[in-house]
Amino acid sequence: MREDENLKFAKELRKNTTLPEAKLWAGLRNRQVGGFKFRRQAPVGSYVADFVCPEKKLVVELDGWTHSTPGELAHDLRRTQFLNQQGFRVIRFGNTAVMENTDGVLQAILEDLNK
């Protein structure tokens, strides 16, 4: 995907936020987690990361039910490998975890940021 197409796609994703993404963003925005700044639906190379903390080179990905198919799992692996090659750490949470235990997910993110 070209850079301009990727940026357009990221903007579309921001407009069409899922409920779990909105719930997690409500806890990550405005430096609420350890004073760290996050960006949402941020282009990184040819991918769009759900949430990125540029300072700590951390990507937080949310996975819904579609991330359980072999094709999606392979895509997620390629994406994680690319992000790792760019110097990012990637942590993943299921949408259910965010919906049922947002505070626990935010705490896990903070612990990772403080490593």
C-alpha atoms as a PDB file:
ATOM      1  CA  MET A   1       0.000   0.000   0.000  1.00  0.00           C
ATOM      2  CA  ARG A   2       1.368   3.423  -0.910  1.00  0.00           C
ATOM      3  CA  GLU A   3       1.997   5.906   1.885  1.00  0.00           C
ATOM      4  CA  ASP A   4      -0.852   8.238   0.851  1.00  0.00           C
ATOM      5  CA  GLU A   5      -3.267   5.287   0.593  1.00  0.00           C
ATOM      6  CA  ASN A   6      -2.136   4.040   3.997  1.00  0.00           C
ATOM      7  CA  LEU A   7      -2.749   7.457   5.582  1.00  0.00           C
ATOM      8  CA  LYS A   8      -6.217   7.621   4.009  1.00  0.00           C
ATOM      9  CA  PHE A   9      -6.967   4.116   5.310  1.00  0.00           C
ATOM     10  CA  ALA A  10      -5.807   5.113   8.818  1.00  0.00           C
ATOM     11  CA  LYS A  11      -8.150   8.126   8.761  1.00  0.00           C
ATOM     12  CA  GLU A  12     -11.045   5.873   7.736  1.00  0.00           C
ATOM     13  CA  LEU A  13     -10.263   3.510  10.593  1.00  0.00           C
ATOM     14  CA  ARG A  14     -10.279   6.425  13.048  1.00  0.00           C
ATOM     15  CA  LYS A  15     -13.735   7.432  11.811  1.00  0.00           C
ATOM     16  CA  ASN A  16     -15.050   3.866  12.145  1.00  0.00           C
ATOM     17  CA  THR A  17     -13.695   2.964  15.565  1.00  0.00           C
ATOM     18  CA  THR A  18     -14.959  -0.280  17.077  1.00  0.00           C
ATOM     19  CA  LEU A  19     -16.389  -0.279  20.601  1.00  0.00           C
ATOM     20  CA  PRO A  20     -13.341  -2.061  22.102  1.00  0.00           C
ATOM     21  CA  GLU A  21     -11.006   0.407  20.352  1.00  0.00           C
ATOM     22  CA  ALA A  22     -13.022   3.362  21.654  1.00  0.00           C
ATOM     23  CA  LYS A  23     -13.018   1.941  25.171  1.00  0.00           C
ATOM     24  CA  LEU A  24      -9.261   1.384  25.179  1.00  0.00           C
ATOM     25  CA  TRP A  25      -8.589   4.771  23.555  1.00  0.00           C
ATOM     26  CA  ALA A  26     -10.586   6.456  26.325  1.00  0.00           C
ATOM     27  CA  GLY A  27      -8.000   5.074  28.765  1.00  0.00           C
ATOM     28  CA  LEU A  28      -4.888   5.689  26.638  1.00  0.00           C
ATOM     29  CA  ARG A  29      -5.532   9.201  25.332  1.00  0.00           C
ATOM     30  CA  ASN A  30      -4.217  12.371  26.936  1.00  0.00           C
ATOM     31  CA  ARG A  31      -1.246  10.610  28.544  1.00  0.00           C
ATOM     32  CA  GLN A  32      -3.448   8.830  31.097  1.00  0.00           C
ATOM     33  CA  VAL A  33      -1.227   5.747  31.228  1.00  0.00           C
ATOM     34  CA  GLY A  34       2.025   6.613  32.961  1.00  0.00           C
ATOM     35  CA  GLY A  35       2.231   9.963  31.179  1.00  0.00           C
ATOM     36  CA  PHE A  36       2.992   8.251  27.858  1.00  0.00           C
ATOM     37  CA  LYS A  37       1.576   9.609  24.596  1.00  0.00           C
ATOM     38  CA  PHE A  38      -0.297   7.237  22.317  1.00  0.00           C
ATOM     39  CA  ARG A  39      -1.511   7.645  18.753  1.00  0.00           C
ATOM     40  CA  ARG A  40      -4.407   5.598  17.418  1.00  0.00           C
ATOM     41  CA  GLN A  41      -4.712   4.011  14.000  1.00  0.00           C
ATOM     42  CA  ALA A  42      -1.190   5.149  13.200  1.00  0.00           C
ATOM     43  CA  PRO A  43       0.523   4.228   9.928  1.00  0.00           C
ATOM     44  CA  VAL A  44       3.772   2.290  10.391  1.00  0.00           C
ATOM     45  CA  GLY A  45       5.233   1.356   7.048  1.00  0.00           C
ATOM     46  CA  SER A  46       2.570  -0.403   5.015  1.00  0.00           C
ATOM     47  CA  TYR A  47       0.534  -1.242   8.122  1.00  0.00           C
ATOM     48  CA  VAL A  48      -1.786   0.680  10.412  1.00  0.00           C
ATOM     49  CA  ALA A  49      -1.236  -0.037  14.096  1.00  0.00           C
ATOM     50  CA  ASP A  50      -4.216   0.196  16.439  1.00  0.00           C
ATOM     51  CA  PHE A  51      -2.265   2.155  19.077  1.00  0.00           C
ATOM     52  CA  VAL A  52       1.354   3.317  19.110  1.00  0.00           C
ATOM     53  CA  CYS A  53       3.494   4.823  21.846  1.00  0.00           C
ATOM     54  CA  PRO A  54       6.331   6.318  19.766  1.00  0.00           C
ATOM     55  CA  GLU A  55       8.466   7.171  22.809  1.00  0.00           C
ATOM     56  CA  LYS A  56       8.627   3.565  23.972  1.00  0.00           C
ATOM     57  CA  LYS A  57       8.311   1.998  20.495  1.00  0.00           C
ATOM     58  CA  LEU A  58       5.292   0.004  21.681  1.00  0.00           C
ATOM     59  CA  VAL A  59       2.404  -1.101  19.474  1.00  0.00           C
ATOM     60  CA  VAL A  60      -0.826  -2.268  21.092  1.00  0.00           C
ATOM     61  CA  GLU A  61      -3.048  -4.368  18.847  1.00  0.00           C
ATOM     62  CA  LEU A  62      -6.633  -5.417  19.513  1.00  0.00           C
ATOM     63  CA  ASP A  63      -7.790  -8.697  18.049  1.00  0.00           C
ATOM     64  CA  GLY A  64     -11.406  -9.578  17.353  1.00  0.00           C
ATOM     65  CA  TRP A  65     -12.890 -12.899  16.365  1.00  0.00           C
ATOM     66  CA  THR A  66     -11.549 -12.601  12.796  1.00  0.00           C
ATOM     67  CA  HIS A  67      -8.014 -12.914  14.123  1.00  0.00           C
ATOM     68  CA  SER A  68      -8.502 -16.616  14.746  1.00  0.00           C
ATOM     69  CA  THR A  69      -8.525 -17.822  11.142  1.00  0.00           C
ATOM     70  CA  PRO A  70      -5.309 -19.274   9.675  1.00  0.00           C
ATOM     71  CA  GLY A  71      -5.073 -16.467   7.124  1.00  0.00           C
ATOM     72  CA  GLU A  72      -5.481 -13.732   9.738  1.00  0.00           C
ATOM     73  CA  LEU A  73      -3.024 -15.405  12.103  1.00  0.00           C
ATOM     74  CA  ALA A  74      -0.450 -15.534   9.291  1.00  0.00           C
ATOM     75  CA  HIS A  75      -1.108 -11.874   8.467  1.00  0.00           C
ATOM     76  CA  ASP A  76      -0.737 -10.916  12.148  1.00  0.00           C
ATOM     77  CA  LEU A  77       2.577 -12.792  12.298  1.00  0.00           C
ATOM     78  CA  ARG A  78       3.938 -10.979   9.221  1.00  0.00           C
ATOM     79  CA  ARG A  79       2.756  -7.675  10.644  1.00  0.00           C
ATOM     80  CA  THR A  80       4.388  -8.342  14.033  1.00  0.00           C
ATOM     81  CA  GLN A  81       7.648  -9.388  12.345  1.00  0.00           C
ATOM     82  CA  PHE A  82       7.669  -6.189  10.280  1.00  0.00           C
ATOM     83  CA  LEU A  83       6.965  -4.019  13.329  1.00  0.00           C
ATOM     84  CA  ASN A  84       9.705  -5.811  15.296  1.00  0.00           C
ATOM     85  CA  GLN A  85      12.139  -5.149  12.426  1.00  0.00           C
ATOM     86  CA  GLN A  86      11.236  -1.449  12.733  1.00  0.00           C
ATOM     87  CA  GLY A  87      12.188  -1.588  16.437  1.00  0.00           C
ATOM     88  CA  PHE A  88       8.661  -1.853  17.877  1.00  0.00           C
ATOM     89  CA  ARG A  89       7.468  -4.272  20.525  1.00  0.00           C
ATOM     90  CA  VAL A  90       3.957  -5.557  19.898  1.00  0.00           C
ATOM     91  CA  ILE A  91       1.469  -6.601  22.547  1.00  0.00           C
ATOM     92  CA  ARG A  92      -1.957  -7.973  21.693  1.00  0.00           C
ATOM     93  CA  PHE A  93      -5.228  -8.102  23.550  1.00  0.00           C
ATOM     94  CA  GLY A  94      -8.518  -9.639  22.554  1.00  0.00           C
ATOM     95  CA  ASN A  95     -11.545  -7.412  22.225  1.00  0.00           C
ATOM     96  CA  THR A  96     -13.237  -9.431  24.965  1.00  0.00           C
ATOM     97  CA  ALA A  97     -10.411  -8.643  27.412  1.00  0.00           C
ATOM     98  CA  VAL A  98     -10.817  -4.920  26.728  1.00  0.00           C
ATOM     99  CA  MET A  99     -14.587  -5.042  27.123  1.00  0.00           C
ATOM    100  CA  GLU A 100     -14.539  -7.131  30.308  1.00  0.00           C
ATOM    101  CA  ASN A 101     -11.382  -5.831  32.013  1.00  0.00           C
ATOM    102  CA  THR A 102     -10.273  -2.495  30.583  1.00  0.00           C
ATOM    103  CA  ASP A 103      -8.439  -1.548  33.770  1.00  0.00           C
ATOM    104  CA  GLY A 104      -6.481  -4.813  33.684  1.00  0.00           C
ATOM    105  CA  VAL A 105      -5.509  -4.238  30.044  1.00  0.00           C
ATOM    106  CA  LEU A 106      -4.393  -0.668  30.817  1.00  0.00           C
ATOM    107  CA  GLN A 107      -2.366  -1.966  33.768  1.00  0.00           C
ATOM    108  CA  ALA A 108      -0.680  -4.578  31.541  1.00  0.00           C
ATOM    109  CA  ILE A 109       0.173  -1.847  29.020  1.00  0.00           C
ATOM    110  CA  LEU A 110       1.644   0.331  31.778  1.00  0.00           C
ATOM    111  CA  GLU A 111       3.746  -2.579  33.053  1.00  0.00           C
ATOM    112  CA  ASP A 112       5.074  -3.157  29.533  1.00  0.00           C
ATOM    113  CA  LEU A 113       5.863   0.548  29.118  1.00  0.00           C
ATOM    114  CA  ASN A 114       7.825   0.521  32.369  1.00  0.00           C
ATOM    115  CA  LYS A 115      10.013  -2.462  31.406  1.00  0.00           C
END
